[in-house]
N, C-alpha and C. Protein backbone atom coordinates (compact mmCIF):
# COMPACT_ATOMS: atom_id res chain seq x y z
N UNK A 1 8.92 7.23 -16.83
CA UNK A 1 9.88 7.27 -15.76
C UNK A 1 9.35 6.46 -14.59
N UNK A 2 10.19 5.70 -13.95
CA UNK A 2 9.77 4.83 -12.85
C UNK A 2 9.41 5.66 -11.62
N UNK A 3 8.61 5.06 -10.76
CA UNK A 3 8.21 5.73 -9.52
C UNK A 3 9.44 6.04 -8.69
N UNK A 4 9.46 7.23 -8.09
CA UNK A 4 10.63 7.61 -7.31
C UNK A 4 10.67 6.93 -5.95
N UNK A 5 9.50 6.53 -5.45
CA UNK A 5 9.43 5.82 -4.19
C UNK A 5 8.87 4.43 -4.45
N UNK A 6 9.19 3.46 -3.61
CA UNK A 6 8.58 2.15 -3.80
C UNK A 6 7.06 2.26 -3.63
N UNK A 7 6.34 1.59 -4.51
CA UNK A 7 4.88 1.58 -4.43
C UNK A 7 4.46 0.22 -3.88
N UNK A 8 3.64 0.25 -2.84
CA UNK A 8 3.19 -0.98 -2.22
C UNK A 8 1.74 -1.26 -2.59
N UNK A 9 1.27 -2.45 -2.24
CA UNK A 9 -0.13 -2.78 -2.49
C UNK A 9 -1.07 -1.86 -1.71
N UNK A 10 -0.60 -1.33 -0.58
CA UNK A 10 -1.42 -0.38 0.18
C UNK A 10 -1.61 0.90 -0.64
N UNK A 11 -0.54 1.40 -1.26
CA UNK A 11 -0.65 2.59 -2.10
C UNK A 11 -1.64 2.34 -3.25
N UNK A 12 -1.50 1.20 -3.91
CA UNK A 12 -2.38 0.89 -5.03
C UNK A 12 -3.83 0.77 -4.57
N UNK A 13 -4.04 0.13 -3.45
CA UNK A 13 -5.39 -0.06 -2.91
C UNK A 13 -6.03 1.28 -2.56
N UNK A 14 -5.29 2.13 -1.89
CA UNK A 14 -5.84 3.42 -1.49
C UNK A 14 -6.17 4.30 -2.71
N UNK A 15 -5.33 4.26 -3.73
CA UNK A 15 -5.61 5.03 -4.94
C UNK A 15 -6.82 4.44 -5.67
N UNK A 16 -6.90 3.12 -5.72
CA UNK A 16 -8.06 2.47 -6.36
C UNK A 16 -9.35 2.85 -5.63
N UNK A 17 -9.31 2.85 -4.30
CA UNK A 17 -10.50 3.24 -3.54
C UNK A 17 -10.89 4.69 -3.81
N UNK A 18 -9.91 5.56 -3.87
CA UNK A 18 -10.20 6.98 -4.12
C UNK A 18 -10.89 7.16 -5.46
N UNK A 19 -10.45 6.43 -6.47
CA UNK A 19 -11.08 6.54 -7.79
C UNK A 19 -12.42 5.81 -7.84
N UNK A 20 -12.56 4.73 -7.10
CA UNK A 20 -13.81 3.96 -7.09
C UNK A 20 -14.97 4.76 -6.52
N UNK A 21 -14.67 5.71 -5.66
CA UNK A 21 -15.72 6.57 -5.11
C UNK A 21 -16.44 7.30 -6.24
N UNK A 22 -15.70 7.67 -7.29
CA UNK A 22 -16.31 8.37 -8.42
C UNK A 22 -17.23 7.46 -9.23
N UNK A 23 -17.13 6.16 -9.00
CA UNK A 23 -17.99 5.19 -9.68
C UNK A 23 -19.11 4.68 -8.77
N UNK A 24 -19.26 5.31 -7.59
CA UNK A 24 -20.35 4.96 -6.70
C UNK A 24 -20.03 3.98 -5.59
N UNK A 25 -18.79 3.57 -5.45
CA UNK A 25 -18.43 2.66 -4.37
C UNK A 25 -18.16 3.47 -3.11
N UNK A 26 -18.91 3.20 -2.06
CA UNK A 26 -18.70 3.88 -0.78
C UNK A 26 -17.79 3.01 0.08
N UNK A 27 -16.60 3.51 0.44
CA UNK A 27 -15.68 2.70 1.25
C UNK A 27 -16.32 2.17 2.53
N UNK A 28 -17.29 2.89 3.10
CA UNK A 28 -17.95 2.40 4.32
C UNK A 28 -18.77 1.14 4.07
N UNK A 29 -19.13 0.88 2.80
CA UNK A 29 -19.90 -0.31 2.47
C UNK A 29 -19.04 -1.56 2.34
N UNK A 30 -17.73 -1.39 2.28
CA UNK A 30 -16.84 -2.54 2.11
C UNK A 30 -16.70 -3.25 3.45
N UNK A 31 -17.12 -4.50 3.48
CA UNK A 31 -17.01 -5.28 4.70
C UNK A 31 -15.59 -5.80 4.89
N UNK A 32 -14.97 -6.21 3.79
CA UNK A 32 -13.58 -6.66 3.86
C UNK A 32 -13.01 -6.84 2.47
N UNK A 33 -11.68 -6.87 2.41
CA UNK A 33 -10.96 -7.27 1.21
C UNK A 33 -10.77 -8.77 1.34
N UNK A 34 -11.20 -9.53 0.33
CA UNK A 34 -11.07 -10.99 0.38
C UNK A 34 -9.75 -11.48 -0.20
N UNK A 35 -9.31 -10.84 -1.28
CA UNK A 35 -8.09 -11.27 -1.97
C UNK A 35 -7.54 -10.10 -2.78
N UNK A 36 -6.28 -10.24 -3.17
CA UNK A 36 -5.64 -9.17 -3.95
C UNK A 36 -4.51 -9.73 -4.80
N UNK A 37 -4.19 -9.00 -5.84
CA UNK A 37 -2.97 -9.22 -6.60
C UNK A 37 -2.37 -7.85 -6.88
N UNK A 38 -1.06 -7.80 -7.00
CA UNK A 38 -0.40 -6.54 -7.35
C UNK A 38 0.74 -6.81 -8.31
N UNK A 39 1.03 -5.79 -9.10
CA UNK A 39 2.12 -5.85 -10.05
C UNK A 39 2.84 -4.51 -10.03
N UNK A 40 4.11 -4.54 -9.76
CA UNK A 40 4.95 -3.35 -9.88
C UNK A 40 6.12 -3.76 -10.75
N UNK A 41 5.98 -3.51 -12.03
CA UNK A 41 6.99 -3.93 -13.00
C UNK A 41 7.43 -2.72 -13.80
N UNK A 42 8.56 -2.16 -13.43
CA UNK A 42 9.05 -0.98 -14.13
C UNK A 42 8.08 0.18 -13.99
N UNK A 43 7.58 0.63 -15.12
CA UNK A 43 6.68 1.77 -15.14
C UNK A 43 5.21 1.40 -15.09
N UNK A 44 4.90 0.11 -15.04
CA UNK A 44 3.51 -0.33 -14.95
C UNK A 44 3.22 -0.76 -13.52
N UNK A 45 2.24 -0.11 -12.92
CA UNK A 45 1.81 -0.42 -11.56
C UNK A 45 0.35 -0.84 -11.65
N UNK A 46 -0.01 -1.95 -11.00
CA UNK A 46 -1.39 -2.41 -11.09
C UNK A 46 -1.74 -3.25 -9.86
N UNK A 47 -3.03 -3.32 -9.60
CA UNK A 47 -3.53 -4.14 -8.50
C UNK A 47 -4.99 -4.46 -8.70
N UNK A 48 -5.38 -5.62 -8.23
CA UNK A 48 -6.77 -6.04 -8.28
C UNK A 48 -7.19 -6.47 -6.89
N UNK A 49 -8.44 -6.15 -6.54
CA UNK A 49 -8.92 -6.39 -5.18
C UNK A 49 -10.35 -6.92 -5.23
N UNK A 50 -10.60 -8.02 -4.54
CA UNK A 50 -11.95 -8.53 -4.40
C UNK A 50 -12.50 -8.00 -3.09
N UNK A 51 -13.63 -7.30 -3.18
CA UNK A 51 -14.22 -6.65 -2.02
C UNK A 51 -15.56 -7.27 -1.69
N UNK A 52 -15.78 -7.58 -0.42
CA UNK A 52 -17.07 -8.09 0.05
C UNK A 52 -17.92 -6.90 0.47
N UNK A 53 -19.16 -6.88 0.00
CA UNK A 53 -20.11 -5.82 0.30
C UNK A 53 -21.31 -6.39 1.06
N UNK A 54 -22.21 -5.54 1.55
CA UNK A 54 -23.40 -6.06 2.24
C UNK A 54 -24.23 -6.96 1.33
N UNK A 55 -25.05 -7.77 1.95
CA UNK A 55 -25.97 -8.68 1.27
C UNK A 55 -25.24 -9.68 0.38
N UNK A 56 -24.06 -10.09 0.81
CA UNK A 56 -23.27 -11.13 0.15
C UNK A 56 -22.85 -10.76 -1.27
N UNK A 57 -22.82 -9.48 -1.56
CA UNK A 57 -22.34 -9.03 -2.87
C UNK A 57 -20.83 -8.91 -2.83
N UNK A 58 -20.22 -9.08 -4.00
CA UNK A 58 -18.78 -8.95 -4.15
C UNK A 58 -18.48 -8.17 -5.42
N UNK A 59 -17.41 -7.40 -5.39
CA UNK A 59 -16.97 -6.67 -6.57
C UNK A 59 -15.47 -6.84 -6.76
N UNK A 60 -15.07 -6.69 -8.02
CA UNK A 60 -13.66 -6.70 -8.37
C UNK A 60 -13.26 -5.28 -8.70
N UNK A 61 -12.29 -4.77 -7.98
CA UNK A 61 -11.75 -3.43 -8.20
C UNK A 61 -10.34 -3.58 -8.74
N UNK A 62 -10.11 -3.00 -9.92
CA UNK A 62 -8.80 -3.10 -10.55
C UNK A 62 -8.28 -1.70 -10.85
N UNK A 63 -7.01 -1.50 -10.59
CA UNK A 63 -6.36 -0.22 -10.82
C UNK A 63 -5.05 -0.46 -11.55
N UNK A 64 -4.77 0.38 -12.54
CA UNK A 64 -3.46 0.32 -13.19
C UNK A 64 -3.01 1.73 -13.56
N UNK A 65 -1.71 1.87 -13.60
CA UNK A 65 -1.11 3.18 -13.90
C UNK A 65 0.14 2.96 -14.74
N UNK A 66 0.22 3.68 -15.85
CA UNK A 66 1.38 3.62 -16.73
C UNK A 66 2.14 4.92 -16.57
N UNK A 67 3.32 4.84 -15.99
CA UNK A 67 4.09 6.05 -15.70
C UNK A 67 5.00 6.47 -16.84
N UNK A 68 4.92 5.80 -18.00
CA UNK A 68 5.74 6.18 -19.14
C UNK A 68 5.12 7.33 -19.93
N UNK A 69 3.86 7.59 -19.74
CA UNK A 69 3.19 8.66 -20.47
C UNK A 69 3.41 10.00 -19.78
N UNK A 70 3.46 11.08 -20.55
CA UNK A 70 3.67 12.41 -19.96
C UNK A 70 2.59 12.77 -18.94
N UNK A 71 1.34 12.54 -19.28
CA UNK A 71 0.26 12.74 -18.31
C UNK A 71 -0.01 11.39 -17.66
N UNK A 72 -0.14 11.38 -16.36
CA UNK A 72 -0.34 10.13 -15.64
C UNK A 72 -1.55 9.39 -16.20
N UNK A 73 -1.33 8.20 -16.71
CA UNK A 73 -2.40 7.40 -17.32
C UNK A 73 -2.89 6.36 -16.31
N UNK A 74 -4.05 6.62 -15.71
CA UNK A 74 -4.63 5.70 -14.74
C UNK A 74 -5.85 5.03 -15.35
N UNK A 75 -6.07 3.78 -14.97
CA UNK A 75 -7.23 3.03 -15.43
C UNK A 75 -7.85 2.35 -14.21
N UNK A 76 -9.17 2.37 -14.15
CA UNK A 76 -9.86 1.70 -13.06
C UNK A 76 -11.01 0.88 -13.65
N UNK A 77 -11.26 -0.27 -13.06
CA UNK A 77 -12.41 -1.10 -13.42
C UNK A 77 -13.09 -1.51 -12.12
N UNK A 78 -14.40 -1.48 -12.13
CA UNK A 78 -15.18 -1.90 -10.97
C UNK A 78 -16.31 -2.76 -11.50
N UNK A 79 -16.25 -4.05 -11.23
CA UNK A 79 -17.20 -5.01 -11.79
C UNK A 79 -17.82 -5.88 -10.70
N UNK A 80 -19.13 -6.09 -10.74
CA UNK A 80 -19.74 -7.04 -9.80
C UNK A 80 -19.27 -8.46 -10.12
N UNK A 81 -19.17 -9.28 -9.10
CA UNK A 81 -18.79 -10.68 -9.27
C UNK A 81 -19.96 -11.57 -8.94
N UNK A 82 -20.14 -12.63 -9.72
CA UNK A 82 -21.18 -13.59 -9.37
C UNK A 82 -20.59 -14.61 -8.39
N UNK A 83 -21.45 -15.39 -7.79
CA UNK A 83 -21.02 -16.33 -6.75
C UNK A 83 -20.06 -17.39 -7.28
N UNK A 84 -20.12 -17.68 -8.57
CA UNK A 84 -19.28 -18.72 -9.15
C UNK A 84 -17.86 -18.24 -9.46
N UNK A 85 -17.62 -16.95 -9.47
CA UNK A 85 -16.30 -16.41 -9.80
C UNK A 85 -15.47 -16.24 -8.54
N UNK A 86 -14.47 -17.10 -8.41
CA UNK A 86 -13.59 -17.00 -7.25
C UNK A 86 -12.58 -15.87 -7.46
N UNK A 87 -11.80 -15.96 -8.54
CA UNK A 87 -10.79 -14.95 -8.86
C UNK A 87 -10.94 -14.55 -10.33
N UNK A 88 -11.34 -13.32 -10.58
CA UNK A 88 -11.47 -12.87 -11.97
C UNK A 88 -10.12 -12.64 -12.62
N UNK A 89 -10.12 -12.64 -13.95
CA UNK A 89 -8.90 -12.33 -14.69
C UNK A 89 -8.74 -10.82 -14.80
N UNK A 90 -7.50 -10.35 -14.77
CA UNK A 90 -7.27 -8.92 -14.97
C UNK A 90 -7.67 -8.49 -16.39
N UNK A 91 -7.74 -7.20 -16.60
CA UNK A 91 -8.03 -6.64 -17.92
C UNK A 91 -7.01 -7.17 -18.93
N UNK A 92 -7.40 -7.19 -20.22
CA UNK A 92 -6.51 -7.75 -21.25
C UNK A 92 -5.15 -7.06 -21.37
N UNK A 93 -5.03 -5.80 -21.00
CA UNK A 93 -3.74 -5.12 -21.13
C UNK A 93 -2.77 -5.45 -20.00
N UNK A 94 -3.21 -6.31 -19.07
CA UNK A 94 -2.38 -6.70 -17.93
C UNK A 94 -2.02 -8.18 -18.01
N UNK A 95 -0.89 -8.58 -17.42
CA UNK A 95 -0.53 -10.00 -17.40
C UNK A 95 -1.43 -10.78 -16.44
N UNK A 96 -1.40 -12.11 -16.52
CA UNK A 96 -2.18 -12.92 -15.57
C UNK A 96 -1.81 -12.58 -14.13
N UNK A 97 -2.78 -12.72 -13.25
CA UNK A 97 -2.58 -12.35 -11.84
C UNK A 97 -2.29 -13.56 -10.98
N UNK A 98 -1.53 -13.32 -9.94
CA UNK A 98 -1.30 -14.32 -8.90
C UNK A 98 -1.99 -13.80 -7.65
N UNK A 99 -3.10 -14.40 -7.32
CA UNK A 99 -3.94 -13.93 -6.22
C UNK A 99 -3.37 -14.32 -4.86
N UNK A 100 -3.61 -13.48 -3.88
CA UNK A 100 -3.20 -13.75 -2.50
C UNK A 100 -4.35 -13.41 -1.57
N UNK A 101 -4.49 -14.21 -0.53
CA UNK A 101 -5.50 -13.92 0.50
C UNK A 101 -4.86 -13.25 1.72
N UNK A 102 -3.62 -12.88 1.60
CA UNK A 102 -2.95 -12.12 2.67
C UNK A 102 -3.35 -10.65 2.53
N UNK A 103 -4.43 -10.30 3.19
CA UNK A 103 -5.02 -8.97 3.00
C UNK A 103 -5.30 -8.23 4.30
N UNK A 104 -4.86 -8.75 5.41
CA UNK A 104 -5.12 -8.11 6.70
C UNK A 104 -4.67 -6.66 6.75
N UNK A 105 -3.52 -6.38 6.17
CA UNK A 105 -2.99 -5.01 6.15
C UNK A 105 -3.88 -4.07 5.34
N UNK A 106 -4.56 -4.59 4.32
CA UNK A 106 -5.49 -3.77 3.54
C UNK A 106 -6.80 -3.55 4.30
N UNK A 107 -7.25 -4.58 4.98
CA UNK A 107 -8.49 -4.44 5.77
C UNK A 107 -8.33 -3.41 6.88
N UNK A 108 -7.13 -3.25 7.39
CA UNK A 108 -6.88 -2.23 8.41
C UNK A 108 -7.08 -0.81 7.86
N UNK A 109 -7.02 -0.66 6.54
CA UNK A 109 -7.17 0.65 5.90
C UNK A 109 -8.64 1.03 5.65
N UNK A 110 -9.54 0.08 5.83
CA UNK A 110 -10.96 0.37 5.59
C UNK A 110 -11.53 1.22 6.70
N UNK A 111 -12.50 2.09 6.36
CA UNK A 111 -13.12 2.91 7.40
C UNK A 111 -13.82 2.04 8.44
N UNK A 112 -13.71 2.43 9.67
CA UNK A 112 -14.38 1.73 10.76
C UNK A 112 -15.82 2.23 10.83
N UNK A 113 -16.76 1.30 10.84
CA UNK A 113 -18.19 1.65 10.91
C UNK A 113 -18.72 1.14 12.23
N UNK A 114 -19.52 1.96 12.88
CA UNK A 114 -20.12 1.48 14.11
C UNK A 114 -19.98 2.37 15.21
């Protein structure tokens, strides 16, 4: 069944962050979101986010949710990126991504440190 409310990239990002905490990612360590892609196609919701961390490290955070299953089926991936990888490919069960650097609205959601 499709989502009853429109799902935005902010919703996907916040859910991805909440799940990434269980994999050891501390939101306070995120310096900024560099780029993102999102997909809201029927019952498949997904998003990928490149996050800058301290010491010039970067990670790819990917979240997807299939709302056709009786129990909510969520998937998360958290992978380090090397310096040569500008935009990683999404997981094989997802279509190719169209990356965007329009991420200011996501950066506003990060915890303020200082």
